[in-house]
Amino acid sequence: MPVISTWAAGASGQRIASDRIIALGLLLVLLVGCASSSNTSTQSASKPLPANYGRYSIDQDRGPSQPLDPSLIREVIPVSEARTLAGNKSPYTVNGKSYRVLSSEEGYREVGLASWYGEKFHGHQTSNGEVFDMYQVSAAHKSLPIPSYVTVTNLDNKRSIVVRVNDRGPFHNDRILDLSYAAAWKLGFSERGTARVQVEALLPDLYNQGYPSTQVIAANVGGMGGAGKYLQIGAFSDLQSARQVSDKVQQMTSRPVFIRSVQADNARQLLHRVRVGPLSDSAEIDRITALVVDADLGRPYTVED
């Protein structure tokens, strides 16, 4: 009996010691878990979540997971549309930079890089409250009024399409236009990220009367102020002649070169004015003037707009 009692006492002591070890282990696990949770909370607090966190189900944009059916892409026909404040707040700020919306798209023309956006934004609202459809032709622009229409030409392969602008962006310094995936596909660069394009405004009324697009690059694209001096190269009754001169002058300067089409006084036809600007440096004005004169393109003069 004493032997049994001694064994029982020993076994009981071993169980108590074992229970203490288990309890200590559980306590350590809890302490480590609390420390880890506290550390994670601290990290989360010190690193604010992205502005669009939780809005999109895809982190990295991509093309459609389903094949695109070209027969379902509708052609864009410019029509006159009433504009509201939706998407046209001016000025507006993105990433600390201010942008102004043009009062009119008349004469807009610009050459630069275009990118595209797709499945990440598919089904979400555009800046004017419409639903983005990557399978149809649309575009985002920083400064053009919404909605507006533009002709986009891929300068690498000369393909052109008409696009309706209903969104804001792209907010990258090196890009002038963001196209829907379908638009990029029609222009032949959906397999690449960007393409060099020419963008020209289309005024629905003139377009439907048989006029080609009226060109301009707006003075305040990308947040630049619209006021200032402009160098007028010439005024032409023939749009094609104005375009030829505009293209030549564009090779002489990095400043915006545009065509402003206006109704001539006491005439039913349009007058197409080729201008450069805005310009604030008199030395630069003199330099461009000399280049234009040397190229036998006339004698420019300054105007204010």
Protein backbone atom coordinates (compact mmCIF):
# COMPACT_ATOMS: atom_id res chain seq x y z
CA MET A 1 0.00 0.00 0.00
CA PRO A 2 2.74 2.56 0.87
CA VAL A 3 4.39 1.79 -2.44
CA ILE A 4 1.15 2.43 -4.27
CA SER A 5 0.57 5.66 -2.34
CA THR A 6 4.07 6.86 -3.13
CA TRP A 7 3.55 6.11 -6.82
CA ALA A 8 0.17 7.91 -6.80
CA ALA A 9 1.68 10.95 -5.12
CA GLY A 10 4.50 11.00 -7.68
CA ALA A 11 2.09 10.69 -10.57
CA SER A 12 -0.04 13.52 -9.16
CA GLY A 13 3.02 15.76 -8.90
CA GLN A 14 4.00 14.98 -12.45
CA ARG A 15 0.47 15.91 -13.65
CA ILE A 16 0.59 19.22 -11.77
CA ALA A 17 3.97 20.05 -13.27
CA SER A 18 2.71 19.07 -16.72
CA ASP A 19 -0.40 21.25 -16.30
CA ARG A 20 1.79 24.20 -15.30
CA ILE A 21 3.94 23.76 -18.40
CA ILE A 22 0.86 23.66 -20.64
CA ALA A 23 -0.57 26.76 -18.94
CA LEU A 24 2.70 28.63 -19.39
CA GLY A 25 2.78 27.60 -23.05
CA LEU A 26 -0.73 28.90 -23.63
CA LEU A 27 0.16 32.16 -21.89
CA LEU A 28 3.19 32.62 -24.15
CA VAL A 29 1.07 31.96 -27.24
CA LEU A 30 -1.44 34.58 -26.12
CA LEU A 31 1.29 37.12 -25.41
CA VAL A 32 2.91 36.56 -28.82
CA GLY A 33 -0.48 36.81 -30.53
CA CYS A 34 -1.27 40.08 -28.77
CA ALA A 35 2.13 41.50 -29.67
CA SER A 36 1.70 40.45 -33.29
CA SER A 37 -1.80 41.95 -33.41
CA SER A 38 -0.56 45.18 -31.83
CA ASN A 39 2.33 45.36 -34.31
CA THR A 40 -0.01 44.77 -37.28
CA SER A 41 -2.37 47.47 -36.02
CA THR A 42 0.55 49.88 -35.67
CA GLN A 43 1.72 49.11 -39.21
CA SER A 44 -1.80 49.55 -40.60
CA ALA A 45 -2.14 52.88 -38.85
CA SER A 46 1.21 54.13 -40.15
CA LYS A 47 0.46 53.12 -43.77
CA PRO A 48 -2.84 54.59 -44.99
CA LEU A 49 -4.83 52.48 -47.42
CA PRO A 50 -4.92 53.47 -51.10
CA ALA A 51 -7.68 55.90 -52.09
CA ASN A 52 -9.49 53.25 -54.16
CA TYR A 53 -8.98 50.44 -51.62
CA GLY A 54 -11.98 48.12 -51.70
CA ARG A 55 -13.53 49.77 -54.78
CA TYR A 56 -11.99 47.46 -57.37
CA SER A 57 -11.77 43.69 -57.12
CA ILE A 58 -8.61 43.63 -59.27
CA ASP A 59 -5.34 45.25 -58.19
CA GLN A 60 -3.62 45.28 -61.59
CA ASP A 61 -5.57 46.31 -64.67
CA ARG A 62 -5.75 43.88 -67.59
CA GLY A 63 -7.55 43.06 -70.81
CA PRO A 64 -10.79 41.08 -70.83
CA SER A 65 -10.73 37.45 -69.71
CA GLN A 66 -13.31 36.69 -72.40
CA PRO A 67 -12.47 37.10 -76.12
CA LEU A 68 -13.53 40.41 -77.63
CA ASP A 69 -16.17 40.14 -80.37
CA PRO A 70 -15.43 42.89 -82.94
CA SER A 71 -18.96 42.64 -84.37
CA LEU A 72 -20.39 43.91 -81.08
CA ILE A 73 -18.31 47.11 -80.98
CA ARG A 74 -20.66 49.96 -81.87
CA GLU A 75 -19.50 52.78 -84.11
CA VAL A 76 -19.41 56.18 -82.40
CA ILE A 77 -21.44 58.84 -84.22
CA PRO A 78 -20.99 62.43 -82.88
CA VAL A 79 -24.28 63.97 -81.74
CA SER A 80 -25.03 67.22 -79.93
CA GLU A 81 -25.50 66.53 -76.22
CA ALA A 82 -26.47 68.75 -73.32
CA ARG A 83 -23.67 69.05 -70.76
CA THR A 84 -24.16 69.09 -67.02
CA LEU A 85 -21.83 69.53 -64.04
CA ALA A 86 -21.32 65.75 -64.00
CA GLY A 87 -17.65 65.29 -64.80
CA ASN A 88 -17.17 68.97 -65.61
CA LYS A 89 -16.23 70.45 -62.25
CA SER A 90 -13.47 73.01 -62.83
CA PRO A 91 -10.93 73.29 -61.45
CA TYR A 92 -10.54 69.86 -59.90
CA THR A 93 -7.59 68.29 -58.08
CA VAL A 94 -6.07 64.82 -58.42
CA ASN A 95 -2.93 63.72 -56.55
CA GLY A 96 -2.29 67.29 -55.46
CA LYS A 97 -2.38 68.69 -59.01
CA SER A 98 -5.06 71.06 -60.28
CA TYR A 99 -6.73 70.70 -63.68
CA ARG A 100 -9.14 72.97 -65.55
CA VAL A 101 -11.88 71.80 -67.88
CA LEU A 102 -12.04 73.58 -71.23
CA SER A 103 -15.07 75.75 -71.87
CA SER A 104 -15.16 74.26 -75.38
CA GLU A 105 -13.43 71.50 -77.28
CA GLU A 106 -13.48 73.61 -80.43
CA GLY A 107 -10.23 73.23 -82.32
CA TYR A 108 -8.51 70.90 -79.88
CA ARG A 109 -5.59 68.97 -81.33
CA GLU A 110 -2.72 67.23 -79.55
CA VAL A 111 -0.05 64.63 -80.23
CA GLY A 112 1.20 62.38 -77.44
CA LEU A 113 0.94 59.00 -75.73
CA ALA A 114 -2.35 57.19 -75.23
CA SER A 115 -2.88 54.27 -72.85
CA TRP A 116 -5.88 52.00 -72.25
CA TYR A 117 -7.89 50.71 -69.31
CA GLY A 118 -9.91 47.54 -69.04
CA GLU A 119 -11.23 44.85 -66.73
CA LYS A 120 -10.27 46.51 -63.43
CA PHE A 121 -12.63 49.40 -64.18
CA HIS A 122 -15.25 47.48 -66.20
CA GLY A 123 -18.73 48.02 -64.74
CA HIS A 124 -17.68 50.96 -62.55
CA GLN A 125 -18.89 54.52 -62.97
CA THR A 126 -17.06 57.02 -65.15
CA SER A 127 -16.64 60.67 -64.12
CA ASN A 128 -20.06 61.64 -65.48
CA GLY A 129 -21.86 58.72 -63.83
CA GLU A 130 -22.07 56.43 -66.86
CA VAL A 131 -20.96 52.81 -66.58
CA PHE A 132 -17.58 52.02 -68.12
CA ASP A 133 -17.76 49.26 -70.72
CA MET A 134 -14.34 48.07 -71.89
CA TYR A 135 -16.01 46.26 -74.82
CA GLN A 136 -17.17 49.58 -76.32
CA VAL A 137 -15.30 52.64 -77.59
CA SER A 138 -14.80 55.48 -75.08
CA ALA A 139 -12.04 57.62 -73.62
CA ALA A 140 -10.84 59.55 -70.59
CA HIS A 141 -9.23 62.99 -70.88
CA LYS A 142 -8.01 65.48 -68.30
CA SER A 143 -9.41 68.69 -69.78
CA LEU A 144 -11.93 68.13 -72.57
CA PRO A 145 -15.59 68.82 -71.69
CA ILE A 146 -17.70 65.74 -70.97
CA PRO A 147 -19.16 64.47 -73.18
CA SER A 148 -17.17 65.39 -76.28
CA TYR A 149 -15.95 63.62 -79.39
CA VAL A 150 -12.47 63.21 -80.83
CA THR A 151 -10.77 61.49 -83.72
CA VAL A 152 -7.84 59.38 -82.49
CA THR A 153 -5.14 58.32 -84.96
CA ASN A 154 -2.44 55.77 -84.13
CA LEU A 155 0.64 57.41 -85.66
CA ASP A 156 2.45 54.06 -85.91
CA ASN A 157 -0.08 52.38 -88.21
CA LYS A 158 -2.32 55.35 -89.27
CA ARG A 159 -5.52 53.70 -88.01
CA SER A 160 -8.19 56.22 -86.93
CA ILE A 161 -11.45 55.98 -84.98
CA VAL A 162 -14.01 58.37 -83.51
CA VAL A 163 -14.22 58.21 -79.71
CA ARG A 164 -16.60 59.70 -77.15
CA VAL A 165 -14.97 61.19 -74.03
CA ASN A 166 -16.92 60.45 -70.84
CA ASP A 167 -14.24 60.06 -68.16
CA ARG A 168 -11.28 61.85 -66.53
CA GLY A 169 -7.65 60.78 -66.77
CA PRO A 170 -5.02 59.55 -67.40
CA PHE A 171 -3.22 61.29 -64.55
CA HIS A 172 0.29 60.55 -65.79
CA ASN A 173 2.53 63.36 -67.02
CA ASP A 174 3.52 61.45 -70.16
CA ARG A 175 0.01 60.51 -71.36
CA ILE A 176 -2.74 62.60 -72.95
CA LEU A 177 -5.56 60.08 -73.37
CA ASP A 178 -6.86 56.89 -71.78
CA LEU A 179 -8.86 54.68 -74.17
CA SER A 180 -11.18 51.79 -73.43
CA TYR A 181 -9.77 48.36 -74.27
CA ALA A 182 -12.03 48.11 -77.34
CA ALA A 183 -10.78 51.47 -78.64
CA ALA A 184 -7.16 50.39 -78.17
CA TRP A 185 -7.96 47.12 -79.95
CA LYS A 186 -9.43 48.98 -82.94
CA LEU A 187 -6.33 51.18 -83.06
CA GLY A 188 -4.05 48.14 -82.95
CA PHE A 189 -2.21 48.60 -79.64
CA SER A 190 -4.24 46.56 -77.13
CA GLU A 191 -1.30 44.15 -76.78
CA ARG A 192 0.92 47.03 -75.70
CA GLY A 193 0.52 49.56 -72.93
CA THR A 194 0.73 52.76 -74.94
CA ALA A 195 0.83 54.18 -78.45
CA ARG A 196 1.72 57.56 -79.94
CA VAL A 197 -1.48 59.15 -81.19
CA GLN A 198 -2.93 62.32 -82.62
CA VAL A 199 -6.16 63.51 -81.01
CA GLU A 200 -8.47 65.99 -82.78
CA ALA A 201 -11.77 67.41 -81.59
CA LEU A 202 -14.96 66.76 -83.52
CA LEU A 203 -17.76 69.31 -83.30
CA PRO A 204 -20.99 67.34 -83.92
CA ASP A 205 -22.72 70.15 -85.83
CA LEU A 206 -19.81 70.65 -88.23
CA TYR A 207 -19.19 66.91 -88.48
CA ASN A 208 -22.77 66.28 -89.53
CA GLN A 209 -22.54 69.11 -92.10
CA GLY A 210 -19.66 67.30 -93.76
CA TYR A 211 -16.72 69.26 -92.27
CA PRO A 212 -13.72 67.28 -91.03
CA SER A 213 -12.60 67.68 -87.47
CA THR A 214 -11.58 71.14 -86.33
CA GLN A 215 -8.24 71.03 -84.65
CA VAL A 216 -6.74 72.64 -81.63
CA ILE A 217 -4.60 71.97 -78.69
CA ALA A 218 -6.18 73.69 -75.74
CA ALA A 219 -4.12 76.27 -73.93
CA ASN A 220 -4.92 74.88 -70.52
CA VAL A 221 -4.46 71.16 -71.05
CA GLY A 222 -2.90 69.58 -67.96
CA GLY A 223 -3.66 72.52 -65.69
CA MET A 224 -1.94 75.27 -67.70
CA GLY A 225 -3.62 78.67 -67.60
CA GLY A 226 -5.54 79.70 -70.75
CA ALA A 227 -4.68 83.41 -70.78
CA GLY A 228 -1.60 84.72 -72.58
CA LYS A 229 -0.13 85.73 -75.92
CA TYR A 230 -0.39 83.64 -79.04
CA LEU A 231 1.57 83.79 -82.25
CA GLN A 232 -0.81 83.73 -85.23
CA ILE A 233 0.87 82.14 -88.22
CA GLY A 234 -1.96 82.72 -90.68
CA ALA A 235 -5.67 82.41 -91.42
CA PHE A 236 -7.01 80.12 -94.16
CA SER A 237 -10.38 79.51 -95.77
CA ASP A 238 -9.21 75.99 -96.67
CA LEU A 239 -8.81 73.67 -93.68
CA GLN A 240 -6.37 71.40 -95.49
CA SER A 241 -4.02 74.34 -96.12
CA ALA A 242 -4.26 75.29 -92.44
CA ARG A 243 -3.38 71.74 -91.46
CA GLN A 244 -0.34 71.65 -93.72
CA VAL A 245 1.02 74.87 -92.22
CA SER A 246 0.17 73.67 -88.69
CA ASP A 247 2.10 70.43 -89.23
CA LYS A 248 5.17 72.33 -90.47
CA VAL A 249 5.14 74.75 -87.55
CA GLN A 250 4.72 71.86 -85.11
CA GLN A 251 8.14 70.61 -86.20
CA MET A 252 9.69 73.96 -85.21
CA THR A 253 8.56 74.15 -81.60
CA SER A 254 7.49 72.05 -78.62
CA ARG A 255 4.82 74.64 -77.82
CA PRO A 256 1.17 73.85 -78.63
CA VAL A 257 0.26 74.53 -82.27
CA PHE A 258 -3.46 74.64 -82.97
CA ILE A 259 -6.11 75.67 -85.47
CA ARG A 260 -9.01 77.76 -84.24
CA SER A 261 -11.92 77.66 -86.68
CA VAL A 262 -14.27 80.65 -86.51
CA GLN A 263 -17.07 82.06 -88.61
CA ALA A 264 -15.62 84.78 -90.82
CA ASP A 265 -17.27 88.21 -90.63
CA ASN A 266 -20.07 88.66 -93.16
CA ALA A 267 -19.38 85.22 -94.60
CA ARG A 268 -20.91 81.77 -94.32
CA GLN A 269 -17.60 79.92 -94.47
CA LEU A 270 -15.20 79.10 -91.65
CA LEU A 271 -11.85 80.80 -91.26
CA HIS A 272 -9.09 78.55 -89.91
CA ARG A 273 -6.45 80.38 -87.84
CA VAL A 274 -3.12 78.66 -87.16
CA ARG A 275 -1.68 79.76 -83.81
CA VAL A 276 1.10 78.86 -81.39
CA GLY A 277 0.88 79.34 -77.64
CA PRO A 278 0.32 80.48 -75.07
CA LEU A 279 3.71 82.23 -75.06
CA SER A 280 5.07 84.49 -72.33
CA ASP A 281 8.74 84.76 -73.33
CA SER A 282 9.39 87.52 -75.92
CA ALA A 283 12.66 85.85 -76.90
CA GLU A 284 10.81 82.64 -77.71
CA ILE A 285 8.24 84.58 -79.73
CA ASP A 286 11.05 86.15 -81.77
CA ARG A 287 12.72 82.77 -82.26
CA ILE A 288 9.56 81.07 -83.56
CA THR A 289 8.77 84.07 -85.75
CA ALA A 290 12.21 83.88 -87.36
CA LEU A 291 11.80 80.15 -88.02
CA VAL A 292 8.40 80.67 -89.64
CA VAL A 293 9.71 83.50 -91.84
CA ASP A 294 12.76 81.47 -92.88
CA ALA A 295 10.44 78.59 -93.85
CA ASP A 296 8.51 81.01 -96.09
CA LEU A 297 5.28 80.44 -94.18
CA GLY A 298 4.43 84.13 -93.83
CA ARG A 299 5.11 86.72 -91.13
CA PRO A 300 3.43 85.83 -87.80
CA TYR A 301 2.08 88.38 -85.33
CA THR A 302 1.02 88.17 -81.68
CA VAL A 303 -2.58 88.13 -80.51
CA GLU A 304 -4.17 87.80 -77.07
CA ASP A 305 -6.93 85.34 -76.31
